[in-house]
Amino acid sequence: MILAIDIGNTNIVLGCVDDNKTYFIERLSTIKTKMELEYAIDIKMVLDIHGIKPEKLEGAIISSVVPQITYVVKEAAEKILKKETLVIGPGVKNGLNILMDNPAQLGSDLVANAVAGIAEYKAPMMIFDLGTATTVSVIDEKKNYIGGMIYPGVNISLNALTENASQLQGIGLEAPKRIVGKNTIECMKSGVLYSSAAAIDGIIDRIEEAIGQPMTAIATGGLSKKIVPYCKREVILDDDLLLKGLAIIYKKNRKDLFPCKNNKFIANSKTLVPNYRIVRGVTAANGRSVFHCLQLRPAFLHALKPRKKYV
C-alpha cells in the first residue's frame, strides 16, 4: 500500500492505494503559503483518521500542477513516512506513448489519468477531469496519447458569472429542482450544471466524429459526481482514476527507488551513459538521501570489477 498525492490548483487529493483497492480519498485545500510542517500535520491527521500507520506504507508518489509547493509536500510526506517519495516528472517511467508537440509539457495529472484509463478501460477513449479547469485527454485505439482539450471548469465559470454580474449572488452546486428555473438561484444552478453536462455530451460527439469511431468516455475529478448524472451520453464515473494511475506509475519505478543501502552504486548500467554511475549517500544532519551522478575514471572503473560486489 502506498500514499498517492495529487496537488491541484484548488485541492490536494490524497489516498492510500494498492493493486486491489483504494482505501480512502480525501481532499485538502491547496495553500501556497503553508510550510512543510503544516502539510505534514495534515497528512498525519488524514492517516490517523483512517487508522493507517505510516510505517505500514511502502512509500509515496506525487503528481503536481503547482510547482511552488511540490517539494514542500514531498518533504512533508517524507517527514511522516520516513521513506523516499517519488515525484512524477522527466525521467520517471510511465509507459505512456505521448504523441504531442512537446510531451514534457503534459501535466503529470493527465499522465496518471491516461495510465490508469489504459489499464482499466477499452481504447480508444477520452478522459474528462473536472477540476479547476476541465481537461479532456484523448487516447487512440493503439493506446497512444494523441492530444486533448482544456476549457474553464465549473467553478471558474460560476465565479466569473457572479463576479461580473452585480445582481447575481454566489451559489452552491446542489442539484436544481427543475431544468427551467423559477427564480435567479434556480436559473443559475440549472445553467451551470446542464451547460457543463451538455459540453461533455457535445465534446464526445465531436471527438468521435473526428476520430471516426465510438470511444469510451470516462469522467474523474472533484466535480465529476455533480455533472455526470446530467449527461445524455454514457460516461463512466471513476473518482479515483488518478490515484490508481499514480499507483501504477509507482510500481513501474519501484526498483529504481530503493535498490540498496547507503553509499552504494544503485543505477543499472543499461540506463546510463557508459562510465557514469549514480551514487546515493545519506546526510549526517537529517538522514536524507542525496544522489550524485559521477563520471568514473578508467582506473576506478577497473577497480569496480567484478561489479557484483557493488550492487
C-alpha atoms as a PDB file:
ATOM      1  CA  MET A   1       0.000   0.000   0.000  1.00  0.00           C
ATOM      2  CA  ILE A   2       1.266   3.483  -0.893  1.00  0.00           C
ATOM      3  CA  LEU A   3       0.242   7.073  -0.282  1.00  0.00           C
ATOM      4  CA  ALA A   4      -0.753   8.793  -3.538  1.00  0.00           C
ATOM      5  CA  ILE A   5      -0.958  12.600  -3.630  1.00  0.00           C
ATOM      6  CA  ASP A   6      -2.229  14.833  -6.426  1.00  0.00           C
ATOM      7  CA  ILE A   7      -1.571  18.560  -5.989  1.00  0.00           C
ATOM      8  CA  GLY A   8      -4.102  20.606  -7.947  1.00  0.00           C
ATOM      9  CA  ASN A   9      -4.709  24.324  -8.193  1.00  0.00           C
ATOM     10  CA  THR A  10      -7.671  24.211  -5.806  1.00  0.00           C
ATOM     11  CA  ASN A  11      -7.361  20.946  -3.868  1.00  0.00           C
ATOM     12  CA  ILE A  12      -4.767  18.392  -2.855  1.00  0.00           C
ATOM     13  CA  VAL A  13      -6.185  14.894  -3.278  1.00  0.00           C
ATOM     14  CA  LEU A  14      -4.598  12.115  -1.273  1.00  0.00           C
ATOM     15  CA  GLY A  15      -5.415   8.498  -0.702  1.00  0.00           C
ATOM     16  CA  CYS A  16      -3.936   5.103   0.084  1.00  0.00           C
ATOM     17  CA  VAL A  17      -3.997   2.567  -2.744  1.00  0.00           C
ATOM     18  CA  ASP A  18      -2.610  -0.828  -3.617  1.00  0.00           C
ATOM     19  CA  ASP A  19      -3.020  -3.243  -6.515  1.00  0.00           C
ATOM     20  CA  ASN A  20      -6.525  -4.236  -5.448  1.00  0.00           C
ATOM     21  CA  LYS A  21      -8.334  -1.239  -3.984  1.00  0.00           C
ATOM     22  CA  THR A  22      -8.382   2.401  -2.975  1.00  0.00           C
ATOM     23  CA  TYR A  23      -8.684   2.599   0.810  1.00  0.00           C
ATOM     24  CA  PHE A  24      -9.740   6.248   1.028  1.00  0.00           C
ATOM     25  CA  ILE A  25      -9.771   9.545  -0.857  1.00  0.00           C
ATOM     26  CA  GLU A  26      -9.567  12.875   0.962  1.00  0.00           C
ATOM     27  CA  ARG A  27      -9.178  16.470  -0.197  1.00  0.00           C
ATOM     28  CA  LEU A  28      -7.214  19.329   1.368  1.00  0.00           C
ATOM     29  CA  SER A  29      -7.125  22.960   0.264  1.00  0.00           C
ATOM     30  CA  THR A  30      -4.113  23.943  -1.812  1.00  0.00           C
ATOM     31  CA  ILE A  31      -2.481  26.769   0.132  1.00  0.00           C
ATOM     32  CA  LYS A  32       0.788  28.022  -1.328  1.00  0.00           C
ATOM     33  CA  THR A  33       1.878  29.745   1.885  1.00  0.00           C
ATOM     34  CA  LYS A  34       1.763  26.606   4.040  1.00  0.00           C
ATOM     35  CA  MET A  35       5.041  25.283   5.396  1.00  0.00           C
ATOM     36  CA  GLU A  36       6.359  21.730   5.313  1.00  0.00           C
ATOM     37  CA  LEU A  37       5.350  21.068   8.921  1.00  0.00           C
ATOM     38  CA  GLU A  38       1.782  22.229   8.320  1.00  0.00           C
ATOM     39  CA  TYR A  39       1.337  19.852   5.399  1.00  0.00           C
ATOM     40  CA  ALA A  40       2.995  17.085   7.423  1.00  0.00           C
ATOM     41  CA  ILE A  41       0.413  17.596  10.172  1.00  0.00           C
ATOM     42  CA  ASP A  42      -2.397  17.452   7.582  1.00  0.00           C
ATOM     43  CA  ILE A  43      -1.081  14.194   6.120  1.00  0.00           C
ATOM     44  CA  LYS A  44      -0.613  12.638   9.562  1.00  0.00           C
ATOM     45  CA  MET A  45      -4.142  13.619  10.625  1.00  0.00           C
ATOM     46  CA  VAL A  46      -5.685  12.093   7.481  1.00  0.00           C
ATOM     47  CA  LEU A  47      -3.794   8.835   8.024  1.00  0.00           C
ATOM     48  CA  ASP A  48      -4.830   8.777  11.691  1.00  0.00           C
ATOM     49  CA  ILE A  49      -8.488   9.356  10.816  1.00  0.00           C
ATOM     50  CA  HIS A  50      -8.429   6.294   8.563  1.00  0.00           C
ATOM     51  CA  GLY A  51      -6.423   4.191  11.014  1.00  0.00           C
ATOM     52  CA  ILE A  52      -3.382   3.773   8.769  1.00  0.00           C
ATOM     53  CA  LYS A  53       0.055   3.750  10.381  1.00  0.00           C
ATOM     54  CA  PRO A  54       2.813   5.446   8.352  1.00  0.00           C
ATOM     55  CA  GLU A  55       5.183   2.500   8.861  1.00  0.00           C
ATOM     56  CA  LYS A  56       2.696   0.248   7.030  1.00  0.00           C
ATOM     57  CA  LEU A  57       3.080   2.280   3.840  1.00  0.00           C
ATOM     58  CA  GLU A  58       5.670   1.226   1.295  1.00  0.00           C
ATOM     59  CA  GLY A  59       6.211   4.779   0.056  1.00  0.00           C
ATOM     60  CA  ALA A  60       4.524   7.750  -1.604  1.00  0.00           C
ATOM     61  CA  ILE A  61       4.123   9.291  -5.048  1.00  0.00           C
ATOM     62  CA  ILE A  62       3.161  12.847  -6.025  1.00  0.00           C
ATOM     63  CA  SER A  63       1.741  14.414  -9.170  1.00  0.00           C
ATOM     64  CA  SER A  64       1.522  18.194  -9.171  1.00  0.00           C
ATOM     65  CA  VAL A  65       0.487  21.137 -11.321  1.00  0.00           C
ATOM     66  CA  VAL A  66       1.574  23.613  -8.634  1.00  0.00           C
ATOM     67  CA  PRO A  67       5.389  23.630  -8.732  1.00  0.00           C
ATOM     68  CA  GLN A  68       5.630  26.217  -5.919  1.00  0.00           C
ATOM     69  CA  ILE A  69       4.600  23.635  -3.309  1.00  0.00           C
ATOM     70  CA  THR A  70       5.538  20.328  -4.942  1.00  0.00           C
ATOM     71  CA  TYR A  71       8.692  19.827  -2.919  1.00  0.00           C
ATOM     72  CA  VAL A  72       7.159  21.289   0.237  1.00  0.00           C
ATOM     73  CA  VAL A  73       4.561  18.493   0.129  1.00  0.00           C
ATOM     74  CA  LYS A  74       7.266  15.969  -0.813  1.00  0.00           C
ATOM     75  CA  GLU A  75       9.302  16.883   2.270  1.00  0.00           C
ATOM     76  CA  ALA A  76       6.145  16.746   4.387  1.00  0.00           C
ATOM     77  CA  ALA A  77       5.307  13.236   3.163  1.00  0.00           C
ATOM     78  CA  GLU A  78       8.870  12.056   3.806  1.00  0.00           C
ATOM     79  CA  LYS A  79       8.774  13.570   7.299  1.00  0.00           C
ATOM     80  CA  ILE A  80       5.759  11.382   8.152  1.00  0.00           C
ATOM     81  CA  LEU A  81       6.592   8.211   6.216  1.00  0.00           C
ATOM     82  CA  LYS A  82      10.384   8.235   6.720  1.00  0.00           C
ATOM     83  CA  LYS A  83      10.645   6.918   3.147  1.00  0.00           C
ATOM     84  CA  GLU A  84      11.531   8.293  -0.275  1.00  0.00           C
ATOM     85  CA  THR A  85       8.700   9.987  -2.161  1.00  0.00           C
ATOM     86  CA  LEU A  86       8.542   9.789  -5.955  1.00  0.00           C
ATOM     87  CA  VAL A  87       7.560  12.949  -7.859  1.00  0.00           C
ATOM     88  CA  ILE A  88       6.266  12.450 -11.405  1.00  0.00           C
ATOM     89  CA  GLY A  89       8.386  14.335 -13.904  1.00  0.00           C
ATOM     90  CA  PRO A  90      11.061  13.855 -16.557  1.00  0.00           C
ATOM     91  CA  GLY A  91      12.878  10.550 -16.157  1.00  0.00           C
ATOM     92  CA  VAL A  92      10.029   8.810 -14.328  1.00  0.00           C
ATOM     93  CA  LYS A  93       8.804   5.753 -16.235  1.00  0.00           C
ATOM     94  CA  ASN A  94       5.085   5.735 -17.037  1.00  0.00           C
ATOM     95  CA  GLY A  95       4.784   3.512 -20.122  1.00  0.00           C
ATOM     96  CA  LEU A  96       2.706   6.122 -21.960  1.00  0.00           C
ATOM     97  CA  ASN A  97       3.394   6.929 -25.617  1.00  0.00           C
ATOM     98  CA  ILE A  98       2.685  10.663 -25.845  1.00  0.00           C
ATOM     99  CA  LEU A  99       2.172  11.980 -29.389  1.00  0.00           C
ATOM    100  CA  MET A 100       2.250  15.689 -28.547  1.00  0.00           C
ATOM    101  CA  ASP A 101       4.362  18.571 -29.884  1.00  0.00           C
ATOM    102  CA  ASN A 102       6.192  18.673 -26.554  1.00  0.00           C
ATOM    103  CA  PRO A 103       5.496  15.547 -24.445  1.00  0.00           C
ATOM    104  CA  ALA A 104       7.356  17.038 -21.467  1.00  0.00           C
ATOM    105  CA  GLN A 105       4.653  19.725 -21.134  1.00  0.00           C
ATOM    106  CA  LEU A 106       1.881  17.212 -20.495  1.00  0.00           C
ATOM    107  CA  GLY A 107       0.664  17.621 -16.919  1.00  0.00           C
ATOM    108  CA  SER A 108       1.522  14.825 -14.512  1.00  0.00           C
ATOM    109  CA  ASP A 109      -2.143  14.548 -13.507  1.00  0.00           C
ATOM    110  CA  LEU A 110      -3.120  13.904 -17.130  1.00  0.00           C
ATOM    111  CA  VAL A 111      -0.353  11.320 -17.426  1.00  0.00           C
ATOM    112  CA  ALA A 112      -1.651   9.468 -14.349  1.00  0.00           C
ATOM    113  CA  ASN A 113      -5.245   9.583 -15.623  1.00  0.00           C
ATOM    114  CA  ALA A 114      -4.190   8.193 -19.005  1.00  0.00           C
ATOM    115  CA  VAL A 115      -2.075   5.406 -17.477  1.00  0.00           C
ATOM    116  CA  ALA A 116      -4.989   4.235 -15.309  1.00  0.00           C
ATOM    117  CA  GLY A 117      -7.503   4.615 -18.142  1.00  0.00           C
ATOM    118  CA  ILE A 118      -5.429   2.446 -20.474  1.00  0.00           C
ATOM    119  CA  ALA A 119      -5.024  -0.171 -17.739  1.00  0.00           C
ATOM    120  CA  GLU A 120      -8.736  -0.414 -16.930  1.00  0.00           C
ATOM    121  CA  TYR A 121     -10.826   0.567 -19.948  1.00  0.00           C
ATOM    122  CA  LYS A 122     -11.147  -0.181 -23.633  1.00  0.00           C
ATOM    123  CA  ALA A 123      -9.378   2.117 -26.090  1.00  0.00           C
ATOM    124  CA  PRO A 124      -9.992   4.403 -27.884  1.00  0.00           C
ATOM    125  CA  MET A 125     -11.122   6.601 -25.030  1.00  0.00           C
ATOM    126  CA  MET A 126     -11.431  10.139 -23.776  1.00  0.00           C
ATOM    127  CA  ILE A 127     -10.957  11.126 -20.144  1.00  0.00           C
ATOM    128  CA  PHE A 128     -12.668  14.189 -18.656  1.00  0.00           C
ATOM    129  CA  ASP A 129     -11.051  15.565 -15.495  1.00  0.00           C
ATOM    130  CA  LEU A 130     -13.391  18.085 -13.890  1.00  0.00           C
ATOM    131  CA  GLY A 131     -11.291  20.265 -11.632  1.00  0.00           C
ATOM    132  CA  THR A 132     -10.395  23.956 -11.594  1.00  0.00           C
ATOM    133  CA  ALA A 133     -10.120  23.558 -15.359  1.00  0.00           C
ATOM    134  CA  THR A 134     -11.846  20.767 -17.246  1.00  0.00           C
ATOM    135  CA  THR A 135      -9.352  18.747 -19.258  1.00  0.00           C
ATOM    136  CA  VAL A 136     -10.013  16.168 -21.944  1.00  0.00           C
ATOM    137  CA  SER A 137      -7.394  13.508 -22.721  1.00  0.00           C
ATOM    138  CA  VAL A 138      -7.787  11.589 -25.985  1.00  0.00           C
ATOM    139  CA  ILE A 139      -6.245   8.133 -26.399  1.00  0.00           C
ATOM    140  CA  ASP A 140      -6.429   6.292 -29.712  1.00  0.00           C
ATOM    141  CA  GLU A 141      -7.080   2.604 -30.363  1.00  0.00           C
ATOM    142  CA  LYS A 142      -3.335   1.865 -30.200  1.00  0.00           C
ATOM    143  CA  LYS A 143      -3.258   3.381 -26.683  1.00  0.00           C
ATOM    144  CA  ASN A 144      -1.289   6.446 -27.753  1.00  0.00           C
ATOM    145  CA  TYR A 145      -1.968   9.765 -26.036  1.00  0.00           C
ATOM    146  CA  ILE A 146      -2.748  11.886 -29.091  1.00  0.00           C
ATOM    147  CA  GLY A 147      -3.932  15.173 -27.548  1.00  0.00           C
ATOM    148  CA  GLY A 148      -6.843  16.759 -25.763  1.00  0.00           C
ATOM    149  CA  MET A 149      -8.719  19.882 -24.762  1.00  0.00           C
ATOM    150  CA  ILE A 150      -8.737  22.362 -21.874  1.00  0.00           C
ATOM    151  CA  TYR A 151     -11.638  24.671 -21.051  1.00  0.00           C
ATOM    152  CA  PRO A 152     -12.837  26.607 -17.969  1.00  0.00           C
ATOM    153  CA  GLY A 153     -14.014  24.422 -15.126  1.00  0.00           C
ATOM    154  CA  VAL A 154     -17.393  24.588 -13.437  1.00  0.00           C
ATOM    155  CA  ASN A 155     -16.247  26.781 -10.548  1.00  0.00           C
ATOM    156  CA  ILE A 156     -14.312  29.147 -12.832  1.00  0.00           C
ATOM    157  CA  SER A 157     -17.446  29.647 -14.922  1.00  0.00           C
ATOM    158  CA  LEU A 158     -19.598  30.141 -11.844  1.00  0.00           C
ATOM    159  CA  ASN A 159     -17.168  32.615 -10.243  1.00  0.00           C
ATOM    160  CA  ALA A 160     -16.907  34.603 -13.462  1.00  0.00           C
ATOM    161  CA  LEU A 161     -20.700  34.796 -13.608  1.00  0.00           C
ATOM    162  CA  THR A 162     -21.142  36.086 -10.051  1.00  0.00           C
ATOM    163  CA  GLU A 163     -18.129  38.441 -10.105  1.00  0.00           C
ATOM    164  CA  ASN A 164     -19.111  40.178 -13.315  1.00  0.00           C
ATOM    165  CA  ALA A 165     -22.864  40.391 -12.814  1.00  0.00           C
ATOM    166  CA  SER A 166     -23.548  42.615  -9.812  1.00  0.00           C
ATOM    167  CA  GLN A 167     -27.081  41.365  -9.167  1.00  0.00           C
ATOM    168  CA  LEU A 168     -26.124  37.677  -9.147  1.00  0.00           C
ATOM    169  CA  GLN A 169     -25.049  36.175  -5.850  1.00  0.00           C
ATOM    170  CA  GLY A 170     -22.785  33.223  -5.132  1.00  0.00           C
ATOM    171  CA  ILE A 171     -24.453  29.802  -5.099  1.00  0.00           C
ATOM    172  CA  GLY A 172     -23.620  26.201  -4.310  1.00  0.00           C
ATOM    173  CA  LEU A 173     -23.747  23.383  -6.816  1.00  0.00           C
ATOM    174  CA  GLU A 174     -26.670  21.469  -5.370  1.00  0.00           C
ATOM    175  CA  ALA A 175     -28.921  19.775  -7.906  1.00  0.00           C
ATOM    176  CA  PRO A 176     -31.622  22.119  -9.259  1.00  0.00           C
ATOM    177  CA  LYS A 177     -35.248  21.121  -8.748  1.00  0.00           C
ATOM    178  CA  ARG A 178     -36.037  21.565 -12.446  1.00  0.00           C
ATOM    179  CA  ILE A 179     -34.232  22.385 -15.671  1.00  0.00           C
ATOM    180  CA  VAL A 180     -36.282  25.547 -16.200  1.00  0.00           C
ATOM    181  CA  GLY A 181     -35.590  27.662 -13.124  1.00  0.00           C
ATOM    182  CA  LYS A 182     -38.303  29.700 -11.411  1.00  0.00           C
ATOM    183  CA  ASN A 183     -36.000  32.142  -9.623  1.00  0.00           C
ATOM    184  CA  THR A 184     -32.498  33.545 -10.013  1.00  0.00           C
ATOM    185  CA  ILE A 185     -30.746  30.907  -7.912  1.00  0.00           C
ATOM    186  CA  GLU A 186     -32.548  28.022  -9.641  1.00  0.00           C
ATOM    187  CA  CYS A 187     -31.724  29.526 -13.034  1.00  0.00           C
ATOM    188  CA  MET A 188     -28.031  29.815 -12.156  1.00  0.00           C
ATOM    189  CA  LYS A 189     -27.794  26.265 -10.796  1.00  0.00           C
ATOM    190  CA  SER A 190     -29.598  24.844 -13.793  1.00  0.00           C
ATOM    191  CA  GLY A 191     -27.499  26.861 -16.219  1.00  0.00           C
ATOM    192  CA  VAL A 192     -24.157  25.857 -14.725  1.00  0.00           C
ATOM    193  CA  LEU A 193     -24.898  22.138 -14.266  1.00  0.00           C
ATOM    194  CA  TYR A 194     -26.761  21.492 -17.520  1.00  0.00           C
ATOM    195  CA  SER A 195     -24.378  23.558 -19.647  1.00  0.00           C
ATOM    196  CA  SER A 196     -21.416  21.629 -18.214  1.00  0.00           C
ATOM    197  CA  ALA A 197     -23.129  18.307 -18.908  1.00  0.00           C
ATOM    198  CA  ALA A 198     -24.080  19.443 -22.411  1.00  0.00           C
ATOM    199  CA  ALA A 199     -20.467  20.445 -23.050  1.00  0.00           C
ATOM    200  CA  ILE A 200     -19.342  16.904 -22.218  1.00  0.00           C
ATOM    201  CA  ASP A 201     -22.020  15.403 -24.485  1.00  0.00           C
ATOM    202  CA  GLY A 202     -21.084  17.728 -27.325  1.00  0.00           C
ATOM    203  CA  ILE A 203     -17.342  17.115 -26.977  1.00  0.00           C
ATOM    204  CA  ILE A 204     -17.873  13.341 -27.051  1.00  0.00           C
ATOM    205  CA  ASP A 205     -19.884  13.679 -30.276  1.00  0.00           C
ATOM    206  CA  ARG A 206     -17.314  15.914 -31.958  1.00  0.00           C
ATOM    207  CA  ILE A 207     -14.235  13.913 -30.953  1.00  0.00           C
ATOM    208  CA  GLU A 208     -15.868  10.655 -32.060  1.00  0.00           C
ATOM    209  CA  GLU A 209     -16.645  12.326 -35.380  1.00  0.00           C
ATOM    210  CA  ALA A 210     -13.007  13.454 -35.685  1.00  0.00           C
ATOM    211  CA  ILE A 211     -11.586  10.052 -34.723  1.00  0.00           C
ATOM    212  CA  GLY A 212     -14.116   8.177 -36.826  1.00  0.00           C
ATOM    213  CA  GLN A 213     -15.200   5.552 -34.304  1.00  0.00           C
ATOM    214  CA  PRO A 214     -17.045   5.166 -30.983  1.00  0.00           C
ATOM    215  CA  MET A 215     -14.992   5.886 -27.877  1.00  0.00           C
ATOM    216  CA  THR A 216     -15.131   5.071 -24.180  1.00  0.00           C
ATOM    217  CA  ALA A 217     -15.850   8.210 -22.131  1.00  0.00           C
ATOM    218  CA  ILE A 218     -14.579   8.411 -18.544  1.00  0.00           C
ATOM    219  CA  ALA A 219     -15.029  11.245 -16.050  1.00  0.00           C
ATOM    220  CA  THR A 220     -12.999  11.891 -12.912  1.00  0.00           C
ATOM    221  CA  GLY A 221     -12.118  14.830 -10.686  1.00  0.00           C
ATOM    222  CA  GLY A 222     -13.749  16.578  -7.769  1.00  0.00           C
ATOM    223  CA  LEU A 223     -16.814  17.855  -9.631  1.00  0.00           C
ATOM    224  CA  SER A 224     -17.489  14.826 -11.823  1.00  0.00           C
ATOM    225  CA  LYS A 225     -20.106  13.399  -9.448  1.00  0.00           C
ATOM    226  CA  LYS A 226     -22.165  16.583  -9.744  1.00  0.00           C
ATOM    227  CA  ILE A 227     -22.065  16.854 -13.543  1.00  0.00           C
ATOM    228  CA  VAL A 228     -22.049  13.320 -14.979  1.00  0.00           C
ATOM    229  CA  PRO A 229     -25.620  12.423 -13.845  1.00  0.00           C
ATOM    230  CA  TYR A 230     -26.918  15.166 -16.180  1.00  0.00           C
ATOM    231  CA  CYS A 231     -25.088  13.864 -19.265  1.00  0.00           C
ATOM    232  CA  LYS A 232     -27.125  12.177 -22.007  1.00  0.00           C
ATOM    233  CA  ARG A 233     -24.165  10.207 -23.345  1.00  0.00           C
ATOM    234  CA  GLU A 234     -22.847   7.209 -21.430  1.00  0.00           C
ATOM    235  CA  VAL A 235     -19.962   8.394 -19.251  1.00  0.00           C
ATOM    236  CA  ILE A 236     -18.137   6.133 -16.791  1.00  0.00           C
ATOM    237  CA  LEU A 237     -17.628   7.832 -13.427  1.00  0.00           C
ATOM    238  CA  ASP A 238     -14.296   6.877 -11.828  1.00  0.00           C
ATOM    239  CA  ASP A 239     -13.486   9.205  -8.957  1.00  0.00           C
ATOM    240  CA  ASP A 240     -10.188   7.532  -8.013  1.00  0.00           C
ATOM    241  CA  LEU A 241      -8.807   7.114 -11.544  1.00  0.00           C
ATOM    242  CA  LEU A 242      -5.869   9.451 -10.928  1.00  0.00           C
ATOM    243  CA  LEU A 243      -4.799   7.739  -7.715  1.00  0.00           C
ATOM    244  CA  LYS A 244      -4.903   4.352  -9.436  1.00  0.00           C
ATOM    245  CA  GLY A 245      -2.704   5.786 -12.169  1.00  0.00           C
ATOM    246  CA  LEU A 246      -0.217   7.021  -9.572  1.00  0.00           C
ATOM    247  CA  ALA A 247      -0.110   3.532  -8.046  1.00  0.00           C
ATOM    248  CA  ILE A 248       0.680   2.005 -11.451  1.00  0.00           C
ATOM    249  CA  ILE A 249       3.465   4.537 -12.097  1.00  0.00           C
ATOM    250  CA  TYR A 250       4.912   3.927  -8.627  1.00  0.00           C
ATOM    251  CA  LYS A 251       5.000   0.206  -9.331  1.00  0.00           C
ATOM    252  CA  LYS A 252       6.851   0.793 -12.615  1.00  0.00           C
ATOM    253  CA  ASN A 253       9.523   2.795 -10.778  1.00  0.00           C
ATOM    254  CA  ARG A 254       9.703   0.790  -7.555  1.00  0.00           C
ATOM    255  CA  LYS A 255      13.005  -0.938  -8.388  1.00  0.00           C
ATOM    256  CA  ASP A 256      14.655   2.397  -9.091  1.00  0.00           C
ATOM    257  CA  LEU A 257      13.583   3.933  -5.787  1.00  0.00           C
ATOM    258  CA  PHE A 258      15.145   1.702  -3.152  1.00  0.00           C
ATOM    259  CA  PRO A 259      17.700  -0.566  -4.811  1.00  0.00           C
ATOM    260  CA  CYS A 260      20.286  -0.689  -1.998  1.00  0.00           C
ATOM    261  CA  LYS A 261      21.675   0.892   1.160  1.00  0.00           C
ATOM    262  CA  ASN A 262      23.965   3.822   1.844  1.00  0.00           C
ATOM    263  CA  ASN A 263      26.824   4.782  -0.449  1.00  0.00           C
ATOM    264  CA  LYS A 264      26.254   2.026  -2.989  1.00  0.00           C
ATOM    265  CA  PHE A 265      26.173   2.169  -6.759  1.00  0.00           C
ATOM    266  CA  ILE A 266      22.465   1.948  -7.418  1.00  0.00           C
ATOM    267  CA  ALA A 267      21.800   2.592 -11.107  1.00  0.00           C
ATOM    268  CA  ASN A 268      21.522  -0.140 -13.680  1.00  0.00           C
ATOM    269  CA  SER A 269      24.301   0.463 -16.210  1.00  0.00           C
ATOM    270  CA  LYS A 270      21.823  -0.137 -19.049  1.00  0.00           C
ATOM    271  CA  THR A 271      20.061   3.111 -18.185  1.00  0.00           C
ATOM    272  CA  LEU A 272      23.172   5.321 -18.065  1.00  0.00           C
ATOM    273  CA  VAL A 273      25.874   6.550 -20.391  1.00  0.00           C
ATOM    274  CA  PRO A 274      28.954   4.272 -20.051  1.00  0.00           C
ATOM    275  CA  ASN A 275      31.438   5.294 -17.334  1.00  0.00           C
ATOM    276  CA  TYR A 276      28.761   7.097 -15.320  1.00  0.00           C
ATOM    277  CA  ARG A 277      27.216   5.881 -12.077  1.00  0.00           C
ATOM    278  CA  ILE A 278      24.592   7.201  -9.690  1.00  0.00           C
ATOM    279  CA  VAL A 279      25.625   7.112  -6.029  1.00  0.00           C
ATOM    280  CA  ARG A 280      23.303   7.530  -3.065  1.00  0.00           C
ATOM    281  CA  GLY A 281      24.574   8.796   0.265  1.00  0.00           C
ATOM    282  CA  VAL A 282      22.859   9.814   3.492  1.00  0.00           C
ATOM    283  CA  THR A 283      23.463  13.191   5.113  1.00  0.00           C
ATOM    284  CA  ALA A 284      24.608  13.122   8.721  1.00  0.00           C
ATOM    285  CA  ALA A 285      22.444  16.103   9.684  1.00  0.00           C
ATOM    286  CA  ASN A 286      18.985  14.764   8.915  1.00  0.00           C
ATOM    287  CA  GLY A 287      19.381  11.314   7.415  1.00  0.00           C
ATOM    288  CA  ARG A 288      18.060  12.338   3.999  1.00  0.00           C
ATOM    289  CA  SER A 289      19.216  10.653   0.820  1.00  0.00           C
ATOM    290  CA  VAL A 290      21.446  12.584  -1.569  1.00  0.00           C
ATOM    291  CA  PHE A 291      22.011  11.384  -5.132  1.00  0.00           C
ATOM    292  CA  HIS A 292      25.095  12.132  -7.235  1.00  0.00           C
ATOM    293  CA  CYS A 293      25.849  11.358 -10.877  1.00  0.00           C
ATOM    294  CA  LEU A 294      29.590  10.651 -11.153  1.00  0.00           C
ATOM    295  CA  GLN A 295      31.873  10.172 -14.121  1.00  0.00           C
ATOM    296  CA  LEU A 296      34.349   7.425 -13.245  1.00  0.00           C
ATOM    297  CA  ARG A 297      37.964   7.425 -14.379  1.00  0.00           C
ATOM    298  CA  PRO A 298      39.373   4.309 -16.127  1.00  0.00           C
ATOM    299  CA  ALA A 299      41.458   3.301 -13.091  1.00  0.00           C
ATOM    300  CA  PHE A 300      38.423   3.455 -10.828  1.00  0.00           C
ATOM    301  CA  LEU A 301      36.286   1.521 -13.332  1.00  0.00           C
ATOM    302  CA  HIS A 302      38.886  -1.220 -13.314  1.00  0.00           C
ATOM    303  CA  ALA A 303      38.740  -1.323  -9.521  1.00  0.00           C
ATOM    304  CA  LEU A 304      34.977  -1.865  -9.642  1.00  0.00           C
ATOM    305  CA  LYS A 305      35.282  -5.301 -11.270  1.00  0.00           C
ATOM    306  CA  PRO A 306      33.664  -7.686 -10.569  1.00  0.00           C
ATOM    307  CA  ARG A 307      30.544  -5.499 -10.490  1.00  0.00           C
ATOM    308  CA  LYS A 308      28.531  -7.825  -8.223  1.00  0.00           C
ATOM    309  CA  LYS A 309      30.456  -6.635  -5.203  1.00  0.00           C
ATOM    310  CA  TYR A 310      28.995  -3.132  -5.601  1.00  0.00           C
ATOM    311  CA  VAL A 311      25.368  -3.902  -6.464  1.00  0.00           C
END
